């Protein structure tokens, strides 16, 4: 009995400590993302309860675009037409998003990319947590 328990415990422990698969994370990047929190390097945390702008991320292969959009009550979105292009690279067993504009270059590391949660870390060690944007529902 104890041997079975130990094997089960070790199996659960090993699988819970496993790093996310960067290739699998790519599959979950696309969509409308609403920022929920930002954790500063000093541990301070800022919550965002209401957002007038969400990020629309579209991935095709190893590249994509990120556009700020504003949701409307009818379920559509408006944008100012400005998008940032990025390249996806796997480095040090992590998925990275490399951006380049005429004004700047930067990268973000994908910490978590699941169906409903996205967590990114920038060069300043700020950790941004997003959730999938849900359309307005006035029928509740």
C-alpha atoms as a PDB file:
ATOM      1  CA  UNK A   1       0.000   0.000   0.000  1.00  0.00           C
ATOM      2  CA  UNK A   2       2.758   2.459   0.931  1.00  0.00           C
ATOM      3  CA  UNK A   3       4.664   1.726  -2.283  1.00  0.00           C
ATOM      4  CA  UNK A   4       1.607   2.564  -4.403  1.00  0.00           C
ATOM      5  CA  UNK A   5       1.116   5.784  -2.457  1.00  0.00           C
ATOM      6  CA  UNK A   6       4.768   6.789  -2.910  1.00  0.00           C
ATOM      7  CA  UNK A   7       4.650   6.110  -6.667  1.00  0.00           C
ATOM      8  CA  UNK A   8       1.448   8.128  -7.013  1.00  0.00           C
ATOM      9  CA  UNK A   9       2.943  10.988  -4.986  1.00  0.00           C
ATOM     10  CA  UNK A  10       6.111  11.049  -7.083  1.00  0.00           C
ATOM     11  CA  UNK A  11       4.118  10.965 -10.316  1.00  0.00           C
ATOM     12  CA  UNK A  12       1.962  13.913  -9.228  1.00  0.00           C
ATOM     13  CA  UNK A  13       5.019  15.825  -8.003  1.00  0.00           C
ATOM     14  CA  UNK A  14       6.998  15.323 -11.219  1.00  0.00           C
ATOM     15  CA  UNK A  15       4.104  16.314 -13.498  1.00  0.00           C
ATOM     16  CA  UNK A  16       3.225  19.386 -11.428  1.00  0.00           C
ATOM     17  CA  UNK A  17       6.809  20.676 -11.638  1.00  0.00           C
ATOM     18  CA  UNK A  18       7.105  20.226 -15.388  1.00  0.00           C
ATOM     19  CA  UNK A  19       7.801  23.338 -17.457  1.00  0.00           C
ATOM     20  CA  UNK A  20       5.170  24.379 -19.979  1.00  0.00           C
ATOM     21  CA  UNK A  21       5.723  23.180 -23.529  1.00  0.00           C
ATOM     22  CA  UNK A  22       6.598  26.254 -25.653  1.00  0.00           C
ATOM     23  CA  UNK A  23       5.176  24.684 -28.821  1.00  0.00           C
ATOM     24  CA  UNK A  24       1.876  24.035 -27.054  1.00  0.00           C
ATOM     25  CA  UNK A  25       1.837  27.616 -25.739  1.00  0.00           C
ATOM     26  CA  UNK A  26       1.848  28.956 -29.315  1.00  0.00           C
ATOM     27  CA  UNK A  27      -1.547  27.342 -29.864  1.00  0.00           C
ATOM     28  CA  UNK A  28      -3.085  29.411 -27.054  1.00  0.00           C
ATOM     29  CA  UNK A  29      -1.743  32.905 -27.860  1.00  0.00           C
ATOM     30  CA  UNK A  30      -4.348  33.947 -30.434  1.00  0.00           C
ATOM     31  CA  UNK A  31      -7.431  35.751 -29.178  1.00  0.00           C
ATOM     32  CA  UNK A  32      -8.723  38.780 -27.323  1.00  0.00           C
ATOM     33  CA  UNK A  33      -6.899  39.314 -24.029  1.00  0.00           C
ATOM     34  CA  UNK A  34      -7.936  41.586 -21.156  1.00  0.00           C
ATOM     35  CA  UNK A  35      -5.274  42.646 -18.654  1.00  0.00           C
ATOM     36  CA  UNK A  36      -6.049  41.646 -15.079  1.00  0.00           C
ATOM     37  CA  UNK A  37      -2.888  42.305 -13.056  1.00  0.00           C
ATOM     38  CA  UNK A  38       0.660  43.602 -13.285  1.00  0.00           C
ATOM     39  CA  UNK A  39       3.188  42.395 -10.735  1.00  0.00           C
ATOM     40  CA  UNK A  40       6.139  44.730 -10.317  1.00  0.00           C
ATOM     41  CA  UNK A  41       9.689  43.455  -9.656  1.00  0.00           C
ATOM     42  CA  UNK A  42       9.429  44.670  -6.031  1.00  0.00           C
ATOM     43  CA  UNK A  43       6.333  42.479  -5.498  1.00  0.00           C
ATOM     44  CA  UNK A  44       3.778  45.284  -5.716  1.00  0.00           C
ATOM     45  CA  UNK A  45       0.686  44.232  -7.629  1.00  0.00           C
ATOM     46  CA  UNK A  46      -1.688  46.431  -9.604  1.00  0.00           C
ATOM     47  CA  UNK A  47      -5.178  45.144 -10.422  1.00  0.00           C
ATOM     48  CA  UNK A  48      -7.224  46.171 -13.446  1.00  0.00           C
ATOM     49  CA  UNK A  49     -10.931  45.693 -12.807  1.00  0.00           C
ATOM     50  CA  UNK A  50     -12.300  47.613 -15.788  1.00  0.00           C
ATOM     51  CA  UNK A  51     -10.641  47.834 -19.198  1.00  0.00           C
ATOM     52  CA  UNK A  52     -11.696  49.952 -22.154  1.00  0.00           C
ATOM     53  CA  UNK A  53      -8.997  48.412 -24.352  1.00  0.00           C
ATOM     54  CA  UNK A  54      -8.043  44.758 -24.898  1.00  0.00           C
ATOM     55  CA  UNK A  55      -5.182  43.171 -26.845  1.00  0.00           C
ATOM     56  CA  UNK A  56      -6.016  41.181 -29.946  1.00  0.00           C
ATOM     57  CA  UNK A  57      -3.242  38.707 -30.709  1.00  0.00           C
ATOM     58  CA  UNK A  58      -3.161  36.783 -33.964  1.00  0.00           C
ATOM     59  CA  UNK A  59      -0.516  34.097 -34.548  1.00  0.00           C
ATOM     60  CA  UNK A  60       0.328  32.526 -37.890  1.00  0.00           C
ATOM     61  CA  UNK A  61       3.182  30.054 -37.708  1.00  0.00           C
ATOM     62  CA  UNK A  62       6.164  31.665 -35.984  1.00  0.00           C
ATOM     63  CA  UNK A  63       4.973  35.266 -36.248  1.00  0.00           C
ATOM     64  CA  UNK A  64       1.993  37.367 -35.378  1.00  0.00           C
ATOM     65  CA  UNK A  65       0.462  40.739 -34.644  1.00  0.00           C
ATOM     66  CA  UNK A  66      -0.800  42.438 -31.508  1.00  0.00           C
ATOM     67  CA  UNK A  67      -3.431  45.155 -31.828  1.00  0.00           C
ATOM     68  CA  UNK A  68      -5.136  47.280 -29.175  1.00  0.00           C
ATOM     69  CA  UNK A  69      -8.893  47.166 -29.713  1.00  0.00           C
ATOM     70  CA  UNK A  70     -11.889  48.652 -27.921  1.00  0.00           C
ATOM     71  CA  UNK A  71     -14.900  46.402 -27.386  1.00  0.00           C
ATOM     72  CA  UNK A  72     -18.316  47.733 -28.287  1.00  0.00           C
ATOM     73  CA  UNK A  73     -21.642  46.770 -26.738  1.00  0.00           C
ATOM     74  CA  UNK A  74     -22.788  45.033 -29.941  1.00  0.00           C
ATOM     75  CA  UNK A  75     -19.909  42.516 -29.714  1.00  0.00           C
ATOM     76  CA  UNK A  76     -17.676  44.158 -32.331  1.00  0.00           C
ATOM     77  CA  UNK A  77     -14.380  45.982 -31.820  1.00  0.00           C
ATOM     78  CA  UNK A  78     -12.868  49.246 -32.967  1.00  0.00           C
ATOM     79  CA  UNK A  79      -9.163  49.884 -33.437  1.00  0.00           C
ATOM     80  CA  UNK A  80      -6.926  52.791 -34.290  1.00  0.00           C
ATOM     81  CA  UNK A  81      -5.284  50.579 -36.924  1.00  0.00           C
ATOM     82  CA  UNK A  82      -1.903  50.367 -35.216  1.00  0.00           C
ATOM     83  CA  UNK A  83      -0.489  46.850 -34.812  1.00  0.00           C
ATOM     84  CA  UNK A  84       2.831  45.573 -33.512  1.00  0.00           C
ATOM     85  CA  UNK A  85       4.351  42.633 -35.357  1.00  0.00           C
ATOM     86  CA  UNK A  86       6.282  39.980 -33.464  1.00  0.00           C
ATOM     87  CA  UNK A  87       8.347  36.890 -34.147  1.00  0.00           C
ATOM     88  CA  UNK A  88       8.049  33.794 -31.938  1.00  0.00           C
ATOM     89  CA  UNK A  89      11.238  32.004 -30.897  1.00  0.00           C
ATOM     90  CA  UNK A  90      11.892  29.203 -28.441  1.00  0.00           C
ATOM     91  CA  UNK A  91      14.965  29.988 -26.318  1.00  0.00           C
ATOM     92  CA  UNK A  92      16.106  28.364 -23.074  1.00  0.00           C
ATOM     93  CA  UNK A  93      12.966  26.182 -23.084  1.00  0.00           C
ATOM     94  CA  UNK A  94      10.742  29.287 -23.096  1.00  0.00           C
ATOM     95  CA  UNK A  95       8.577  30.911 -25.744  1.00  0.00           C
ATOM     96  CA  UNK A  96       9.625  34.493 -26.521  1.00  0.00           C
ATOM     97  CA  UNK A  97       7.828  37.205 -28.471  1.00  0.00           C
ATOM     98  CA  UNK A  98      10.246  39.571 -30.265  1.00  0.00           C
ATOM     99  CA  UNK A  99       8.854  42.964 -31.301  1.00  0.00           C
ATOM    100  CA  UNK A 100      10.445  45.522 -33.592  1.00  0.00           C
ATOM    101  CA  UNK A 101       9.023  48.909 -34.559  1.00  0.00           C
ATOM    102  CA  UNK A 102      10.691  51.954 -36.117  1.00  0.00           C
ATOM    103  CA  UNK A 103      11.011  53.347 -32.570  1.00  0.00           C
ATOM    104  CA  UNK A 104      12.004  50.387 -30.381  1.00  0.00           C
ATOM    105  CA  UNK A 105      12.813  46.682 -30.055  1.00  0.00           C
ATOM    106  CA  UNK A 106      11.847  44.470 -27.124  1.00  0.00           C
ATOM    107  CA  UNK A 107      10.943  40.940 -26.135  1.00  0.00           C
ATOM    108  CA  UNK A 108       8.454  39.307 -23.822  1.00  0.00           C
ATOM    109  CA  UNK A 109       8.685  35.841 -22.327  1.00  0.00           C
ATOM    110  CA  UNK A 110       5.549  33.730 -22.244  1.00  0.00           C
ATOM    111  CA  UNK A 111       5.275  32.299 -18.746  1.00  0.00           C
ATOM    112  CA  UNK A 112       1.854  30.752 -19.229  1.00  0.00           C
ATOM    113  CA  UNK A 113      -0.440  30.499 -22.245  1.00  0.00           C
ATOM    114  CA  UNK A 114      -3.541  28.460 -21.600  1.00  0.00           C
ATOM    115  CA  UNK A 115      -7.008  28.629 -23.069  1.00  0.00           C
ATOM    116  CA  UNK A 116      -8.191  31.310 -20.628  1.00  0.00           C
ATOM    117  CA  UNK A 117      -4.998  32.760 -19.096  1.00  0.00           C
ATOM    118  CA  UNK A 118      -1.936  34.465 -20.551  1.00  0.00           C
ATOM    119  CA  UNK A 119       1.043  35.548 -18.454  1.00  0.00           C
ATOM    120  CA  UNK A 120       3.947  37.518 -19.969  1.00  0.00           C
ATOM    121  CA  UNK A 121       7.191  38.868 -18.495  1.00  0.00           C
ATOM    122  CA  UNK A 122       8.881  41.909 -20.036  1.00  0.00           C
ATOM    123  CA  UNK A 123      12.477  43.152 -19.981  1.00  0.00           C
ATOM    124  CA  UNK A 124      11.782  45.164 -16.807  1.00  0.00           C
ATOM    125  CA  UNK A 125      10.704  41.951 -15.021  1.00  0.00           C
ATOM    126  CA  UNK A 126       7.097  43.091 -14.848  1.00  0.00           C
ATOM    127  CA  UNK A 127       4.669  40.190 -15.047  1.00  0.00           C
ATOM    128  CA  UNK A 128       1.430  40.838 -16.917  1.00  0.00           C
ATOM    129  CA  UNK A 129      -1.504  38.487 -16.415  1.00  0.00           C
ATOM    130  CA  UNK A 130      -4.372  38.501 -18.916  1.00  0.00           C
ATOM    131  CA  UNK A 131      -7.637  36.616 -19.167  1.00  0.00           C
ATOM    132  CA  UNK A 132      -9.642  35.879 -22.288  1.00  0.00           C
ATOM    133  CA  UNK A 133     -11.996  38.747 -22.977  1.00  0.00           C
ATOM    134  CA  UNK A 134     -15.654  37.857 -22.616  1.00  0.00           C
ATOM    135  CA  UNK A 135     -18.181  39.789 -24.670  1.00  0.00           C
ATOM    136  CA  UNK A 136     -20.669  41.938 -22.824  1.00  0.00           C
ATOM    137  CA  UNK A 137     -23.734  39.980 -21.713  1.00  0.00           C
ATOM    138  CA  UNK A 138     -26.721  42.071 -20.714  1.00  0.00           C
ATOM    139  CA  UNK A 139     -29.164  39.168 -20.408  1.00  0.00           C
ATOM    140  CA  UNK A 140     -28.185  38.105 -16.889  1.00  0.00           C
END
